[in-house]
Protein backbone atom coordinates (compact mmCIF):
# COMPACT_ATOMS: atom_id res chain seq x y z
CA ASN A 1 37.39 21.66 136.54
CA PHE A 2 37.11 19.39 133.50
CA VAL A 3 37.05 15.59 133.48
CA GLY A 4 40.62 14.34 132.90
CA ILE A 5 42.20 11.22 131.44
CA ALA A 6 43.27 8.84 134.23
CA SER A 7 45.84 6.72 132.37
CA GLY A 8 47.65 6.24 129.09
CA PRO A 9 49.87 8.59 127.09
CA TYR A 10 47.42 11.49 127.61
CA LYS A 11 47.16 11.10 131.39
CA GLY A 12 46.23 14.39 133.04
CA PHE A 13 44.82 16.01 129.87
CA ALA A 14 41.21 17.19 129.84
CA ARG A 15 38.89 14.78 128.04
CA ILE A 16 37.26 17.60 126.06
CA TYR A 17 40.70 18.75 124.83
CA LEU A 18 41.46 15.30 123.40
CA LEU A 19 38.00 15.14 121.83
CA ALA A 20 38.56 18.53 120.17
CA ASN A 21 41.92 17.29 118.83
CA GLU A 22 40.29 14.16 117.41
CA ILE A 23 37.55 16.20 115.72
CA VAL A 24 40.09 18.55 114.13
CA SER A 25 42.23 15.62 113.00
CA TYR A 26 39.29 13.65 111.58
CA THR A 27 37.88 16.61 109.62
CA GLU A 28 41.28 17.92 108.44
CA ALA A 29 40.50 21.08 110.45
CA ASN A 30 37.33 21.68 108.42
CA ILE A 31 34.83 22.52 111.18
CA ASN A 32 31.22 23.58 110.59
CA HIS A 33 27.96 23.50 112.51
CA HIS A 34 26.69 20.29 110.92
CA ASN A 35 29.71 18.01 111.28
CA LEU A 36 30.55 19.33 114.76
CA GLN A 37 27.07 18.51 116.07
CA ASN A 38 27.12 15.05 114.47
CA LEU A 39 30.57 14.16 115.80
CA ILE A 40 29.78 15.23 119.39
CA ALA A 41 26.48 13.35 119.24
CA ALA A 42 28.32 10.24 118.00
CA TYR A 43 30.79 10.48 120.90
CA GLN A 44 27.95 10.82 123.40
CA ARG A 45 26.53 7.47 122.33
CA LYS A 46 29.50 5.93 124.19
CA LYS A 47 30.36 8.57 126.81
CA THR A 48 28.22 11.41 128.16
CA LEU A 49 29.81 14.86 128.28
CA ASN A 50 28.81 17.17 131.10
CA MET A 51 27.36 20.62 130.44
CA GLU A 52 30.58 22.49 131.13
CA GLU A 53 32.49 20.38 128.60
CA ILE A 54 29.88 20.88 125.85
CA TRP A 55 29.65 24.59 126.54
CA ASN A 56 33.46 25.04 126.23
CA ILE A 57 33.97 22.82 123.17
CA GLY A 58 34.41 25.93 120.99
CA THR A 59 37.39 27.16 123.02
CA PHE A 60 39.10 23.77 122.88
CA LEU A 61 38.46 23.49 119.14
CA GLN A 62 40.25 26.79 118.64
CA ILE A 63 43.17 25.54 120.74
CA ALA A 64 43.31 22.30 118.72
CA ILE A 65 43.26 24.25 115.43
CA LEU A 66 46.08 26.50 116.63
CA GLU A 67 48.02 23.34 117.52
CA THR A 68 47.38 22.06 113.98
CA ILE A 69 48.62 25.34 112.48
CA ARG A 70 51.71 25.13 114.68
CA GLY A 71 52.38 21.58 113.44
CA VAL A 72 52.04 22.61 109.80
CA CYS A 73 54.34 25.58 110.33
CA GLU A 74 56.96 23.37 111.96
CA LYS A 75 56.87 21.00 108.98
CA ILE A 76 57.22 23.90 106.56
CA TYR A 77 60.17 25.21 108.55
CA SER A 78 61.86 21.83 108.60
CA VAL A 79 61.34 21.49 104.82
CA GLN A 80 63.02 24.86 104.37
CA LEU A 81 65.98 23.63 106.42
CA GLN A 82 66.30 20.57 104.15
CA LYS A 83 66.20 22.83 101.09
CA TYR A 84 68.92 24.96 102.62
CA LYS A 85 70.99 21.80 103.14
CA VAL A 86 70.45 20.82 99.47
CA GLU A 87 71.61 24.25 98.28
CA ASN A 88 74.71 23.91 100.41
CA ILE A 89 75.53 20.49 98.88
CA ILE A 90 74.97 21.81 95.33
CA GLU A 91 77.32 24.73 95.93
CA ARG A 92 80.03 22.47 97.39
CA LEU A 93 79.89 19.48 95.01
CA VAL A 94 78.30 20.59 91.73
CA GLU A 95 79.41 24.23 91.49
CA GLY A 96 82.64 23.66 93.47
CA LYS A 97 82.54 27.05 95.19
CA PRO A 98 85.07 27.79 97.91
CA LYS A 99 83.72 28.23 101.40
CA GLN A 100 84.15 32.02 101.33
CA GLN A 101 81.91 32.43 98.21
CA MET A 102 79.07 30.15 99.30
CA HIS A 103 75.58 31.67 99.68
CA TYR A 104 74.27 28.80 101.79
CA PRO A 105 76.94 27.98 104.37
CA ILE A 106 75.80 25.69 107.19
CA LYS A 107 76.80 27.11 110.52
CA THR A 108 76.95 25.27 113.82
CA ASN A 109 73.56 26.54 115.05
CA GLU A 110 71.90 25.59 111.74
CA LYS A 111 73.27 22.04 112.02
CA HIS A 112 71.66 21.86 115.44
CA LYS A 113 68.28 23.01 114.00
CA ILE A 114 68.41 20.44 111.21
CA THR A 115 69.15 17.68 113.71
CA GLU A 116 66.44 18.95 116.09
CA PHE A 117 63.68 18.76 113.48
CA GLY A 118 64.82 15.37 112.23
CA GLU A 119 66.15 14.20 108.89
CA MET A 120 63.15 14.61 106.59
CA LYS A 121 64.19 12.40 103.67
CA TYR A 122 61.39 13.01 101.20
CA PRO A 123 61.64 16.84 101.06
CA PHE A 124 65.43 16.47 100.75
CA ILE A 125 65.19 13.94 97.90
CA GLU A 126 62.48 15.88 96.03
CA TYR A 127 64.34 19.19 96.15
CA MET A 128 67.73 17.56 95.42
CA SER A 129 66.26 15.94 92.29
CA TYR A 130 64.78 19.28 91.21
CA CYS A 131 68.07 21.15 91.70
CA LEU A 132 70.27 18.53 89.98
CA LYS A 133 68.02 18.47 86.90
CA ARG A 134 68.62 22.21 86.49
CA TYR A 135 72.34 21.63 85.93
CA GLY A 136 71.87 18.98 83.17
CA LYS A 137 74.98 16.95 82.25
CA GLN A 138 77.09 18.66 84.89
CA ALA A 139 75.07 16.96 87.66
CA TYR A 140 74.16 13.74 85.81
CA ARG A 141 76.40 11.44 87.87
CA TYR A 142 75.09 12.95 91.10
CA LEU A 143 71.54 12.32 89.92
CA GLU A 144 72.42 8.68 89.26
CA ILE A 145 73.87 8.35 92.75
CA LEU A 146 70.68 9.88 94.17
CA GLU A 147 68.44 7.45 92.26
CA THR A 148 70.58 4.51 93.38
CA GLU A 149 70.38 5.51 97.03
CA VAL A 150 66.63 6.05 96.78
CA MET A 151 66.14 2.61 95.20
CA LYS A 152 67.97 1.11 98.19
CA MET A 153 65.12 2.53 100.32
CA GLY A 154 62.66 0.46 98.29
CA THR A 155 61.16 3.28 96.24
CA THR A 156 61.95 5.55 93.27
CA VAL A 157 62.61 9.27 92.91
CA SER A 158 59.37 9.78 90.96
CA ASP A 159 57.35 8.12 93.75
CA VAL A 160 59.09 10.31 96.32
CA ILE A 161 58.28 13.43 94.28
CA LYS A 162 54.62 12.42 94.01
CA LYS A 163 54.39 11.79 97.74
CA GLU A 164 56.09 15.08 98.61
CA HIS A 165 53.81 17.04 96.28
CA PHE A 166 50.84 15.29 97.87
CA ASP A 167 52.09 16.26 101.35
CA ILE A 168 52.51 19.88 100.20
CA ALA A 169 48.93 19.89 98.93
CA VAL A 170 47.70 18.41 102.22
CA ARG A 171 49.53 21.09 104.21
CA LYS A 172 47.99 23.82 102.02
CA VAL A 173 44.48 22.40 102.47
CA THR A 174 44.98 21.94 106.22
CA MET A 175 46.23 25.50 106.64
CA ALA A 176 43.35 26.90 104.59
CA ASN A 177 40.80 24.84 106.52
CA SER A 178 42.32 25.90 109.84
CA ILE A 179 42.11 29.62 109.08
CA LYS A 180 38.58 29.25 107.69
CA SER A 181 37.46 27.15 110.68
CA ILE A 182 38.71 29.68 113.24
CA LYS A 183 36.41 32.24 111.60
CA GLU A 184 33.60 29.69 111.27
CA ILE A 185 33.75 28.77 114.97
CA GLY A 186 33.04 32.40 115.82
CA ARG A 187 29.82 32.19 113.79
CA ILE A 188 28.62 28.80 115.05
CA ASN A 189 25.56 28.96 117.32
CA PHE A 190 26.89 26.86 120.20
CA LEU A 191 23.68 27.46 122.16
CA GLU A 192 21.74 25.55 119.48
CA ILE A 193 24.31 22.73 119.49
CA PHE A 194 24.24 22.66 123.28
CA GLU A 195 20.46 22.34 123.41
CA ASN A 196 20.42 19.67 120.70
CA ILE A 197 23.06 17.32 122.09
CA ASN A 198 23.08 18.01 125.84
CA GLY A 199 21.57 15.08 127.74
CA VAL A 200 20.42 17.33 130.60
CA GLU A 201 18.59 19.57 128.14
CA GLU A 202 16.77 16.59 126.65
CA VAL A 203 15.50 15.55 130.08
CA LEU A 204 14.45 19.09 130.99
CA LYS A 205 12.38 19.34 127.81
CA HIS A 206 10.11 16.59 129.16
CA ASP A 207 8.83 18.98 131.86
CA PRO A 208 5.25 17.82 132.68
CA ALA A 209 4.05 21.42 133.11
CA ARG A 210 5.41 22.28 129.63
CA VAL A 211 6.99 25.45 130.95
CA TYR A 212 10.69 24.81 130.33
CA GLU A 213 10.60 25.01 126.52
CA LYS A 214 8.82 28.39 126.69
CA MET A 215 11.30 29.99 129.08
CA ASP A 216 13.93 32.51 128.01
CA TYR A 217 17.60 31.66 127.55
CA LYS A 218 18.78 33.17 130.88
CA THR A 219 16.27 31.13 132.88
CA LYS A 220 17.19 27.91 131.09
CA ALA A 221 20.85 28.61 131.79
CA TYR A 222 19.98 29.29 135.44
CA TYR A 223 18.29 25.88 135.72
CA ARG A 224 21.26 24.13 134.09
CA ASN A 225 23.76 25.95 136.30
CA LYS A 226 21.72 24.94 139.35
CA ILE A 227 21.95 21.28 138.25
CA LYS A 228 25.70 21.69 137.76
CA GLU A 229 25.99 23.24 141.23
CA ILE A 230 24.07 20.36 142.85
CA SER A 231 26.22 17.87 140.91
CA LYS A 232 29.42 19.44 142.25
CA ARG A 233 28.11 19.46 145.81
CA THR A 234 26.82 15.90 145.82
CA LYS A 235 29.31 14.30 143.37
CA ILE A 236 26.34 12.83 141.46
CA SER A 237 25.87 12.82 137.69
CA GLU A 238 24.01 15.78 136.18
CA ILE A 239 21.80 13.44 134.12
CA TYR A 240 20.84 11.44 137.21
CA ILE A 241 19.93 14.60 139.17
CA THR A 242 17.78 15.90 136.30
CA LYS A 243 15.98 12.59 135.93
CA LYS A 244 15.18 12.50 139.65
CA ALA A 245 13.79 16.05 139.49
CA LEU A 246 11.65 14.99 136.51
CA GLU A 247 10.50 11.95 138.46
CA LEU A 248 9.25 14.20 141.30
CA ALA A 249 7.46 16.49 138.84
CA LYS A 250 5.75 13.59 137.04
CA ALA A 251 4.43 12.30 140.36
CA VAL A 252 2.05 15.31 140.48
CA LYS A 253 -1.09 14.58 138.47
CA ASP A 254 -2.35 18.17 138.11
CA THR A 255 0.10 19.76 135.64
CA SER A 256 -1.19 23.26 136.39
CA LEU A 257 0.37 23.19 139.88
CA LYS A 258 3.82 24.57 140.61
CA THR A 259 4.90 21.20 141.96
CA ALA A 260 4.39 19.70 138.48
CA HIS A 261 7.14 21.94 137.08
CA ILE A 262 10.66 20.51 137.11
CA GLY A 263 12.06 23.89 138.16
CA TYR A 264 10.19 23.69 141.47
CA TYR A 265 12.67 21.02 142.59
CA LEU A 266 15.71 22.90 141.31
CA ILE A 267 15.31 26.53 142.39
CA ASP A 268 12.22 26.59 144.62
CA LYS A 269 10.92 24.98 147.80
CA GLY A 270 11.02 21.48 146.31
CA GLU A 271 14.83 21.47 146.31
CA GLU A 272 14.87 19.76 149.71
CA LYS A 273 12.74 16.89 148.32
CA LEU A 274 15.22 16.46 145.49
CA TYR A 275 18.14 16.18 147.92
CA LYS A 276 16.25 13.54 149.91
CA LEU A 277 15.54 11.54 146.76
CA LEU A 278 19.22 11.70 145.83
CA GLN A 279 20.00 10.11 149.22
CA THR A 280 22.87 12.44 149.94
CA ASN A 281 23.99 13.91 153.25
CA LYS A 282 24.24 17.35 151.65
CA LYS A 283 21.41 19.82 152.21
CA PRO A 284 20.25 22.86 150.21
CA HIS A 285 20.87 26.36 151.47
CA HIS A 286 17.94 27.64 153.52
CA THR A 287 17.05 31.28 152.94
CA LYS A 288 15.21 31.55 156.25
CA LYS A 289 18.31 30.54 158.16
CA ASN A 290 20.31 33.06 156.15
CA GLU A 291 17.80 35.76 157.07
CA LYS A 292 18.14 34.94 160.77
CA TRP A 293 21.92 35.08 160.59
CA TYR A 294 21.78 38.33 158.61
CA ILE A 295 19.49 40.12 161.06
CA SER A 296 21.21 38.65 164.13
CA THR A 297 24.66 39.71 162.87
CA ILE A 298 23.52 43.31 162.42
CA PHE A 299 22.04 43.60 165.92
CA ILE A 300 24.90 41.76 167.67
CA ILE A 301 27.64 43.86 166.04
CA ALA A 302 25.67 47.06 166.69
CA PHE A 303 25.12 46.04 170.33
CA ILE A 304 28.84 45.29 170.82
CA LEU A 305 29.92 48.61 169.29
CA SER A 306 27.36 50.52 171.37
CA GLY A 307 28.60 48.70 174.49
CA LEU A 308 32.22 49.62 173.73
CA ILE A 309 31.25 53.27 173.27
CA THR A 310 29.33 53.17 176.55
CA ILE A 311 32.36 51.70 178.37
CA TYR A 312 34.58 54.40 176.89
CA PHE A 313 32.35 57.24 178.11
CA THR A 314 31.98 55.76 181.64
CA LYS A 315 35.48 57.07 182.32
CA GLN A 316 34.38 60.64 181.66
CA LEU A 317 30.64 60.64 182.51
CA PRO A 318 28.34 59.03 185.03
CA LEU A 319 27.01 55.56 184.19
CA TRP A 320 23.54 56.86 183.32
CA GLY A 321 25.02 59.47 180.94
CA ALA A 322 27.26 56.97 179.19
CA SER A 323 24.35 54.51 178.88
CA LEU A 324 22.17 57.24 177.37
CA ILE A 325 24.84 58.01 174.76
CA GLY A 326 25.13 54.31 173.92
CA ILE A 327 21.34 54.01 173.49
CA PHE A 328 21.14 57.09 171.24
CA LEU A 329 24.07 55.89 169.11
CA TYR A 330 22.62 52.39 168.68
CA ILE A 331 20.34 53.33 165.75
CA PRO A 332 22.99 55.14 163.62
CA ILE A 333 25.49 52.35 164.40
CA THR A 334 22.90 49.82 163.19
CA GLN A 335 22.57 51.71 159.90
CA ILE A 336 26.34 51.85 159.41
CA VAL A 337 26.71 48.13 160.19
CA THR A 338 23.85 47.34 157.76
CA GLN A 339 25.53 49.29 154.96
CA MET A 340 28.88 47.60 155.64
CA LEU A 341 27.30 44.13 155.71
CA GLN A 342 25.39 44.76 152.49
CA PHE A 343 28.56 45.98 150.81
CA ILE A 344 30.34 42.76 151.81
CA LEU A 345 27.41 40.52 150.84
CA GLY A 346 27.12 42.31 147.52
CA LYS A 347 30.60 40.98 146.71
CA ILE A 348 29.91 37.45 148.00
CA VAL A 349 26.22 36.52 147.66
CA LYS A 350 24.94 35.73 144.18
CA PRO A 351 21.59 37.36 143.35
CA LYS A 352 18.70 34.98 142.82
CA LEU A 353 17.39 35.12 139.28
CA ILE A 354 13.65 35.50 138.78
CA PRO A 355 12.58 32.90 136.18
CA LYS A 356 10.95 34.32 133.04
CA MET A 357 9.02 33.15 130.02
CA ASP A 358 10.26 34.09 126.56
CA TYR A 359 7.85 36.64 125.05
CA LEU A 360 10.32 38.45 122.78
CA TYR A 361 8.33 37.20 119.77
CA GLY A 362 4.95 38.19 121.13
CA VAL A 363 2.75 38.17 124.23
CA PRO A 364 0.03 35.46 124.06
CA GLU A 365 -3.61 36.50 124.21
CA GLU A 366 -4.18 34.98 127.66
CA ARG A 367 -1.35 37.22 129.01
CA ALA A 368 -2.66 40.49 127.55
CA THR A 369 -1.08 43.45 129.33
CA MET A 370 -1.76 47.16 129.61
CA VAL A 371 1.00 49.72 130.18
CA ILE A 372 -0.31 52.81 131.97
CA ILE A 373 1.11 56.18 132.98
CA PRO A 374 -1.05 57.56 135.83
CA THR A 375 -0.28 61.24 136.29
CA ILE A 376 -1.89 64.63 136.94
CA ILE A 377 -2.50 66.51 133.70
CA SER A 378 -2.91 70.28 133.73
CA ASN A 379 -2.51 71.17 130.03
CA LYS A 380 -2.69 69.67 126.55
CA GLU A 381 1.10 69.91 126.02
CA LYS A 382 1.63 67.29 128.70
CA VAL A 383 -0.89 65.00 126.98
CA ILE A 384 1.03 65.24 123.70
CA GLU A 385 4.36 64.66 125.47
CA LEU A 386 3.17 61.55 127.33
CA MET A 387 1.43 60.06 124.31
CA LYS A 388 4.70 60.41 122.38
CA LYS A 389 6.43 58.54 125.22
CA LEU A 390 3.85 55.75 124.97
CA GLU A 391 4.56 55.52 121.25
CA VAL A 392 8.27 55.10 121.97
CA PHE A 393 7.47 52.42 124.57
CA TYR A 394 5.35 50.60 121.99
CA LEU A 395 8.17 50.61 119.43
CA ALA A 396 10.68 49.44 122.06
CA ASN A 397 8.36 46.61 123.19
CA PHE A 398 6.60 45.71 119.96
CA SER A 399 4.17 42.86 120.50
CA GLU A 400 0.61 41.75 120.03
CA ASN A 401 -1.73 41.91 123.07
CA LEU A 402 0.21 44.79 124.61
CA TYR A 403 -1.78 48.02 125.09
CA PHE A 404 -0.76 51.53 126.19
CA THR A 405 -2.98 53.92 128.12
CA LEU A 406 -2.49 57.43 129.44
CA LEU A 407 -4.35 57.57 132.75
CA GLY A 408 -4.95 61.28 133.34
CA ASP A 409 -5.75 62.57 136.81
CA VAL A 410 -7.44 65.89 137.43
CA THR A 411 -5.92 68.87 139.22
CA PRO A 412 -7.38 70.02 142.58
CA SER A 413 -9.99 72.74 142.05
CA LYS A 414 -12.82 74.58 143.73
CA GLN A 415 -14.98 73.67 140.75
CA GLU A 416 -16.01 70.23 139.59
CA ILE A 417 -15.24 71.08 135.94
CA GLU A 418 -12.48 73.43 134.79
CA GLU A 419 -12.28 75.21 131.43
CA PHE A 420 -9.02 73.48 130.41
CA ASP A 421 -10.54 70.02 130.99
CA ASP A 422 -12.26 70.03 127.59
CA GLU A 423 -9.00 71.00 125.86
CA ILE A 424 -7.15 68.14 127.59
CA ILE A 425 -9.92 65.65 126.73
CA GLN A 426 -10.02 66.71 123.09
CA THR A 427 -6.22 66.48 122.76
CA GLY A 428 -6.18 63.05 124.44
CA ARG A 429 -8.82 61.70 122.08
CA GLN A 430 -7.04 63.12 119.04
CA GLU A 431 -3.65 61.68 120.05
CA ALA A 432 -5.11 58.23 120.77
CA LYS A 433 -6.93 58.27 117.41
CA ARG A 434 -3.81 59.44 115.57
CA LEU A 435 -1.63 56.67 117.02
CA ASN A 436 -4.26 53.97 116.44
CA GLU A 437 -4.51 55.03 112.79
CA LYS A 438 -0.72 55.06 112.52
CA TYR A 439 -0.44 51.57 114.05
CA PRO A 440 -3.70 49.83 113.06
CA GLN A 441 -4.70 46.39 114.29
CA GLN A 442 -7.80 44.25 114.59
CA GLY A 443 -9.89 44.69 117.72
CA MET A 444 -9.30 47.37 120.34
CA GLY A 445 -6.73 50.06 119.50
CA LYS A 446 -3.25 49.93 120.96
CA PHE A 447 -3.42 53.42 122.47
CA GLN A 448 -6.11 54.70 124.83
CA PHE A 449 -6.80 57.83 126.88
CA ILE A 450 -8.65 57.98 130.20
CA TYR A 451 -9.51 61.12 132.18
CA ARG A 452 -10.96 61.10 135.67
CA LYS A 453 -13.84 62.87 137.38
CA ARG A 454 -13.45 65.38 140.20
CA ILE A 455 -15.07 64.40 143.52
CA TRP A 456 -15.58 66.71 146.50
CA ASN A 457 -13.11 66.03 149.29
CA GLU A 458 -14.14 67.50 152.63
CA LYS A 459 -10.71 67.15 154.23
CA GLU A 460 -8.98 68.97 151.38
CA ASN A 461 -11.96 71.31 150.93
CA CYS A 462 -11.78 71.04 147.12
CA TYR A 463 -12.63 68.85 144.15
CA LEU A 464 -9.99 66.26 143.21
CA GLY A 465 -9.55 62.68 142.04
CA TRP A 466 -10.52 59.98 144.54
CA GLU A 467 -7.45 58.65 146.39
CA ARG A 468 -5.15 60.19 143.78
CA LYS A 469 -2.90 57.70 141.95
CA ARG A 470 -3.86 54.71 144.08
CA GLY A 471 -7.57 55.37 143.55
CA MET A 472 -7.04 55.89 139.83
CA ILE A 473 -5.36 52.46 139.47
CA CYS A 474 -8.09 50.86 141.63
CA ASN A 475 -10.75 52.35 139.35
CA LEU A 476 -8.93 51.04 136.29
CA ASN A 477 -8.70 47.55 137.79
CA GLU A 478 -12.41 47.66 138.61
CA PHE A 479 -13.17 48.63 135.02
CA LEU A 480 -10.90 45.94 133.52
CA CYS A 481 -12.01 43.13 135.84
CA GLU A 482 -15.68 43.88 136.42
CA LYS A 483 -16.43 46.01 133.32
CA THR A 484 -17.95 48.71 135.55
CA ALA A 485 -19.09 51.66 133.42
CA ASN A 486 -18.95 55.43 134.07
CA LEU A 487 -15.98 55.32 136.44
CA PHE A 488 -14.19 58.01 134.43
CA ARG A 489 -15.23 61.20 132.77
CA VAL A 490 -13.63 60.10 129.50
CA ASN A 491 -12.65 56.55 128.58
CA THR A 492 -11.76 55.89 124.93
CA ILE A 493 -11.95 52.14 125.59
CA GLU A 494 -15.70 52.48 126.25
CA GLU A 495 -16.12 54.79 123.28
CA GLU A 496 -14.72 52.18 120.86
CA ASN A 497 -17.11 49.66 119.38
CA GLU A 498 -14.57 46.88 119.91
CA ALA A 499 -14.72 44.72 123.03
CA CYS A 500 -12.00 45.23 125.62
CA PRO A 501 -9.68 42.18 125.83
CA ASN A 502 -9.15 40.35 129.11
CA ILE A 503 -6.20 42.25 130.54
CA ARG A 504 -4.12 39.96 132.78
CA TYR A 505 -1.36 42.36 133.88
CA VAL A 506 -0.94 46.10 134.31
CA ILE A 507 2.49 47.75 134.10
CA THR A 508 2.46 51.08 135.95
CA LEU A 509 5.02 53.74 135.03
CA ASP A 510 5.75 57.15 136.45
CA ALA A 511 5.79 60.06 134.03
CA ASP A 512 9.61 60.24 134.29
CA THR A 513 10.21 56.47 133.93
CA ASN A 514 11.16 54.85 130.62
CA LEU A 515 10.20 51.38 129.46
CA VAL A 516 13.43 50.53 127.66
CA LEU A 517 13.96 47.97 124.91
CA ASN A 518 12.12 44.67 125.62
CA SER A 519 11.92 45.44 129.35
CA GLY A 520 8.13 45.31 129.26
CA LEU A 521 8.17 41.91 127.56
CA GLU A 522 10.66 40.60 130.14
CA LEU A 523 8.49 41.90 132.98
CA ILE A 524 5.44 40.13 131.54
CA GLY A 525 7.55 36.99 131.11
CA ALA A 526 8.56 37.13 134.78
CA ALA A 527 4.98 37.58 135.98
CA SER A 528 3.78 34.75 133.71
CA HIS A 529 6.20 32.10 134.93
CA LEU A 530 4.48 29.30 136.85
CA LEU A 531 6.76 29.67 139.89
CA ASN A 532 6.02 33.42 140.08
CA GLU A 533 2.24 33.24 139.79
CA PRO A 534 0.62 34.34 143.07
CA GLN A 535 -0.83 31.63 145.29
CA LEU A 536 -3.45 32.83 147.80
CA ASN A 537 -4.23 31.50 151.26
CA ASN A 538 -7.53 29.81 152.15
CA LYS A 539 -9.18 33.15 152.97
CA LYS A 540 -8.08 34.58 149.60
CA ASP A 541 -6.75 37.72 151.26
CA ALA A 542 -2.96 37.22 151.16
CA VAL A 543 -0.31 35.93 148.76
CA ILE A 544 1.58 33.06 150.39
CA ALA A 545 3.71 32.06 147.37
CA GLY A 546 4.72 33.69 144.11
CA HIS A 547 4.35 37.39 143.43
CA GLY A 548 1.23 39.54 143.23
CA LEU A 549 3.35 42.63 142.54
CA ILE A 550 6.75 42.78 140.87
CA GLN A 551 9.08 45.75 141.27
CA PRO A 552 11.85 45.61 138.65
CA ARG A 553 15.27 47.09 139.17
CA ILE A 554 15.27 50.75 138.13
CA GLY A 555 18.28 52.26 136.42
CA ILE A 556 19.24 55.90 136.04
CA ASP A 557 20.33 57.10 132.61
CA LEU A 558 23.56 59.02 132.10
CA VAL A 559 21.91 62.37 131.47
CA SER A 560 19.77 62.24 134.62
CA ALA A 561 22.69 60.96 136.71
CA ARG A 562 24.68 64.15 136.09
CA ARG A 563 22.01 66.75 136.73
CA SER A 564 22.79 67.43 140.41
CA LEU A 565 24.95 66.32 143.32
CA LEU A 566 22.01 64.32 144.74
CA THR A 567 21.49 62.34 141.51
CA GLN A 568 25.22 61.68 141.27
CA ILE A 569 25.19 60.19 144.78
CA PHE A 570 22.11 58.02 144.25
CA ALA A 571 23.12 56.98 140.74
CA GLY A 572 26.46 55.75 142.04
CA ALA A 573 28.37 58.26 139.92
CA ARG A 574 30.43 59.27 142.96
CA ARG A 575 32.24 57.13 145.47
CA SER A 576 29.69 57.88 148.18
CA ARG A 577 27.79 54.64 147.57
CA PHE A 578 29.14 53.30 150.83
CA LEU A 579 27.11 55.87 152.82
CA TYR A 580 24.18 56.43 150.46
CA LYS A 581 22.37 53.64 148.71
CA CYS A 582 19.01 53.86 147.03
CA TYR A 583 16.68 50.87 147.42
CA ILE A 584 16.80 50.19 143.69
CA ARG A 585 20.44 49.07 143.97
CA TYR A 586 19.84 46.38 146.61
CA VAL A 587 20.22 42.74 145.70
CA SER A 588 16.88 40.93 145.93
CA ARG A 589 18.13 38.22 148.28
CA GLN A 590 19.53 40.77 150.76
CA PHE A 591 16.30 42.74 150.59
């Protein structure tokens, strides 16, 4: 999948592999973040690397370093063979040992090894000089012969020794650098290097809507992978595709519109415009067509199976009876076919990522959000339990402009006010005050408590909260948007002297749902992205683009998944997922 060399001695090798080899050779295998980024940037002044090559440079650097280590080890081994040969000559000529008493005999296979690795003259001369000097006068004439032969080569023994010692030092440094660099590569932030030197990234940063730089890493990677996918389909340069998408975005004067965002032409409805501008015969995948094929396939297969069953029963029953069986079996057959098709598509179709903004370091003031738990409260113990959960959610999603509220609903009663209501209200106020003192901040407190009023319901013939949970959330929205007073019996937000901030989003949790680490910040980031912001029709009564409500994927923790046979089935703990599948496990595109 990598760009290869078309000609020359390295024909067929990946370009990025040769670049990694050159970098390792130039730096003597001393790789660090600074010199790696500079060298790749220097190369890109002449040739542009694609995203896949830059992203995999670390792997190829490790391969190149291992090749360097292999080369050094081969040289060391060949030097050892030459030393062995010297010892053999010393034993034969200087010491005059018979063949049976020699410690360094050269066997046939060792001769082959010495020939295979080549006659390395300098290690042989250096070690021969060292060994002969140990024997003094006994080896003097051999030393003279050695010096004479070396002088015939145009050099001296002392120069050879210096060069060999220098080569030994170089091998030591190279080996040390190689081992250190392998560890260093594991610590290098290749994402930072990628974003600094990637040409596609530089173009994307010029997004007119100024959304791209504020997005999270996964969304940026999704955009880049989409560009790479289009490049592979159309055989057009990634840089060229990105520049054309930027050109379309810059053509929109109002930068607050979705069409002014470069991502609109990569992952949204503007993709077709981008393909037209690229002047290619390829076309983007149309989701609507996929939906038609998906629904049609289910009904056609179900109809065929029902027809076959009907034909089978016509041999045993009258036509009207067999037809009736086929009609009754059509619905369960449709469900089975749907499950089978979704199982297959789950292995084939890639889920569509929802783009998100990066709010891991704090939610901005204009995106202030309130996390609420609307639930019926019948005693003070439940208030304490839920307020502790809100504290955990706050610590797991620590951020400014993120507030947590327990939205307490009343129990049905024949009386408008029950005796335990005061106890619940007092406990709620105390818990909210305790947490706000524990986690102080300027302005409105992080934690709030709201308790509803009972209203007579003629159909239920009792006092209860208006429209239950739905009515409670509607009342909260009315209070937050229109500042309507006296909607609740107790509202600690009204009781505070501080003004209520402009809450943009509300995250609603059930009493048994957990807001795990950073999940709230990611949810706010998804709702805040320009492509996800709801766009209303002319009558302002329906969302025609974006999302007014976002339902995240819900997971089941290990403890809850093992509580009963039902939870094991729906949590996927058993192999019954083929027959039973909760809606939370569906892929968004199939949904």
